[in-house]
Amino acid sequence: MPKGPKGEKRPADAIGAAVMVAKIATGEIEDEAPNDGKNKAAQELGRKGGKARAEKLSKKRRTEIAKRAAKTRWATQAQQAKKEHQET
């Protein structure tokens, strides 16, 4: 039986998949959410932490971080373009 993107078992054919969806919709079977190995409480705290950090940073500091990130991103893209050009 084929597996979905997170390892869940799903029917290979369209009819089997449709039957399974109908059974889940009517409550005949439970759609089991795969355990991705991540702690849900930690995920929530991480989301809150990112938002709190963004609110705490000054506009000047956020600008510095953004400029450094853009510089790094463009340098990486330039290196990749140079590498591709050398290969041809």
C-alpha atoms as a PDB file:
ATOM      1  CA  MET A   1       0.000   0.000   0.000  1.00  0.00           C
ATOM      2  CA  PRO A   2       1.458   3.411  -0.934  1.00  0.00           C
ATOM      3  CA  LYS A   3       2.346   5.918   1.711  1.00  0.00           C
ATOM      4  CA  GLY A   4       1.490   9.600   1.830  1.00  0.00           C
ATOM      5  CA  PRO A   5       4.004  12.393   2.331  1.00  0.00           C
ATOM      6  CA  LYS A   6       4.219  11.764   6.061  1.00  0.00           C
ATOM      7  CA  GLY A   7       4.169   7.971   5.896  1.00  0.00           C
ATOM      8  CA  GLU A   8       0.445   7.368   6.287  1.00  0.00           C
ATOM      9  CA  LYS A   9      -1.024   4.431   4.412  1.00  0.00           C
ATOM     10  CA  ARG A  10      -3.386   5.343   1.588  1.00  0.00           C
ATOM     11  CA  PRO A  11      -5.084   3.340  -1.175  1.00  0.00           C
ATOM     12  CA  ALA A  12      -3.277   3.383  -4.537  1.00  0.00           C
ATOM     13  CA  ASP A  13      -6.349   3.593  -6.764  1.00  0.00           C
ATOM     14  CA  ALA A  14      -8.795   6.485  -7.112  1.00  0.00           C
ATOM     15  CA  ILE A  15     -11.849   4.459  -6.113  1.00  0.00           C
ATOM     16  CA  GLY A  16     -10.182   3.119  -2.980  1.00  0.00           C
ATOM     17  CA  ALA A  17      -9.095   6.642  -2.046  1.00  0.00           C
ATOM     18  CA  ALA A  18     -12.637   7.958  -2.599  1.00  0.00           C
ATOM     19  CA  VAL A  19     -14.100   5.204  -0.405  1.00  0.00           C
ATOM     20  CA  MET A  20     -11.596   5.997   2.323  1.00  0.00           C
ATOM     21  CA  VAL A  21     -12.419   9.730   2.180  1.00  0.00           C
ATOM     22  CA  ALA A  22     -16.133   8.928   2.411  1.00  0.00           C
ATOM     23  CA  LYS A  23     -15.565   6.662   5.437  1.00  0.00           C
ATOM     24  CA  ILE A  24     -13.524   9.358   7.164  1.00  0.00           C
ATOM     25  CA  ALA A  25     -16.200  11.977   6.398  1.00  0.00           C
ATOM     26  CA  THR A  26     -19.004   9.797   7.806  1.00  0.00           C
ATOM     27  CA  GLY A  27     -16.993   8.796  10.867  1.00  0.00           C
ATOM     28  CA  GLU A  28     -16.777   5.094  10.028  1.00  0.00           C
ATOM     29  CA  ILE A  29     -13.012   5.248  10.417  1.00  0.00           C
ATOM     30  CA  GLU A  30     -10.735   7.778  12.089  1.00  0.00           C
ATOM     31  CA  ASP A  31      -8.233   9.699  10.041  1.00  0.00           C
ATOM     32  CA  GLU A  32      -5.127   9.219  12.078  1.00  0.00           C
ATOM     33  CA  ALA A  33      -2.779  12.177  12.071  1.00  0.00           C
ATOM     34  CA  PRO A  34       0.801  10.989  11.707  1.00  0.00           C
ATOM     35  CA  ASN A  35       3.176  11.645  14.585  1.00  0.00           C
ATOM     36  CA  ASP A  36       5.867  13.845  13.079  1.00  0.00           C
ATOM     37  CA  GLY A  37       8.046  13.540  16.183  1.00  0.00           C
ATOM     38  CA  LYS A  38       7.609  17.166  17.160  1.00  0.00           C
ATOM     39  CA  ASN A  39       6.358  18.302  20.519  1.00  0.00           C
ATOM     40  CA  LYS A  40       3.211  20.383  19.915  1.00  0.00           C
ATOM     41  CA  ALA A  41       3.749  22.482  23.054  1.00  0.00           C
ATOM     42  CA  ALA A  42       7.305  23.312  21.963  1.00  0.00           C
ATOM     43  CA  GLN A  43       6.061  24.288  18.504  1.00  0.00           C
ATOM     44  CA  GLU A  44       3.551  26.699  20.028  1.00  0.00           C
ATOM     45  CA  LEU A  45       6.155  28.242  22.313  1.00  0.00           C
ATOM     46  CA  GLY A  46       8.459  28.679  19.328  1.00  0.00           C
ATOM     47  CA  ARG A  47       5.794  30.612  17.455  1.00  0.00           C
ATOM     48  CA  LYS A  48       5.191  32.851  20.449  1.00  0.00           C
ATOM     49  CA  GLY A  49       8.922  33.374  20.946  1.00  0.00           C
ATOM     50  CA  GLY A  50       9.484  34.526  17.380  1.00  0.00           C
ATOM     51  CA  LYS A  51       6.681  37.032  17.590  1.00  0.00           C
ATOM     52  CA  ALA A  52       7.868  38.327  20.961  1.00  0.00           C
ATOM     53  CA  ARG A  53      11.425  38.720  19.668  1.00  0.00           C
ATOM     54  CA  ALA A  54      10.227  40.647  16.624  1.00  0.00           C
ATOM     55  CA  GLU A  55       8.226  43.023  18.823  1.00  0.00           C
ATOM     56  CA  LYS A  56      11.180  43.528  21.172  1.00  0.00           C
ATOM     57  CA  LEU A  57      13.728  44.413  18.471  1.00  0.00           C
ATOM     58  CA  SER A  58      14.160  48.049  17.559  1.00  0.00           C
ATOM     59  CA  LYS A  59      13.572  49.191  14.010  1.00  0.00           C
ATOM     60  CA  LYS A  60      17.309  49.861  13.612  1.00  0.00           C
ATOM     61  CA  ARG A  61      18.233  46.339  14.742  1.00  0.00           C
ATOM     62  CA  ARG A  62      15.611  44.731  12.466  1.00  0.00           C
ATOM     63  CA  THR A  63      17.068  46.725   9.557  1.00  0.00           C
ATOM     64  CA  GLU A  64      20.587  45.522  10.381  1.00  0.00           C
ATOM     65  CA  ILE A  65      19.429  41.901  10.483  1.00  0.00           C
ATOM     66  CA  ALA A  66      17.528  42.249   7.196  1.00  0.00           C
ATOM     67  CA  LYS A  67      20.508  43.861   5.441  1.00  0.00           C
ATOM     68  CA  ARG A  68      22.860  41.135   6.622  1.00  0.00           C
ATOM     69  CA  ALA A  69      20.409  38.445   5.459  1.00  0.00           C
ATOM     70  CA  ALA A  70      20.006  40.084   2.033  1.00  0.00           C
ATOM     71  CA  LYS A  71      23.776  40.429   1.638  1.00  0.00           C
ATOM     72  CA  THR A  72      24.256  36.741   2.454  1.00  0.00           C
ATOM     73  CA  ARG A  73      21.423  35.694   0.140  1.00  0.00           C
ATOM     74  CA  TRP A  74      22.770  37.687  -2.806  1.00  0.00           C
ATOM     75  CA  ALA A  75      26.332  36.470  -2.201  1.00  0.00           C
ATOM     76  CA  THR A  76      25.105  32.861  -2.273  1.00  0.00           C
ATOM     77  CA  GLN A  77      23.158  33.447  -5.485  1.00  0.00           C
ATOM     78  CA  ALA A  78      26.172  35.149  -7.089  1.00  0.00           C
ATOM     79  CA  GLN A  79      28.386  32.186  -6.169  1.00  0.00           C
ATOM     80  CA  GLN A  80      25.887  29.757  -7.679  1.00  0.00           C
ATOM     81  CA  ALA A  81      25.626  31.799 -10.881  1.00  0.00           C
ATOM     82  CA  LYS A  82      29.410  31.999 -11.163  1.00  0.00           C
ATOM     83  CA  LYS A  83      29.689  28.237 -10.626  1.00  0.00           C
ATOM     84  CA  GLU A  84      27.050  27.529 -13.303  1.00  0.00           C
ATOM     85  CA  HIS A  85      28.776  29.878 -15.727  1.00  0.00           C
ATOM     86  CA  GLN A  86      32.113  28.116 -15.222  1.00  0.00           C
ATOM     87  CA  GLU A  87      30.538  24.719 -15.901  1.00  0.00           C
ATOM     88  CA  THR A  88      29.257  25.762 -19.335  1.00  0.00           C
END
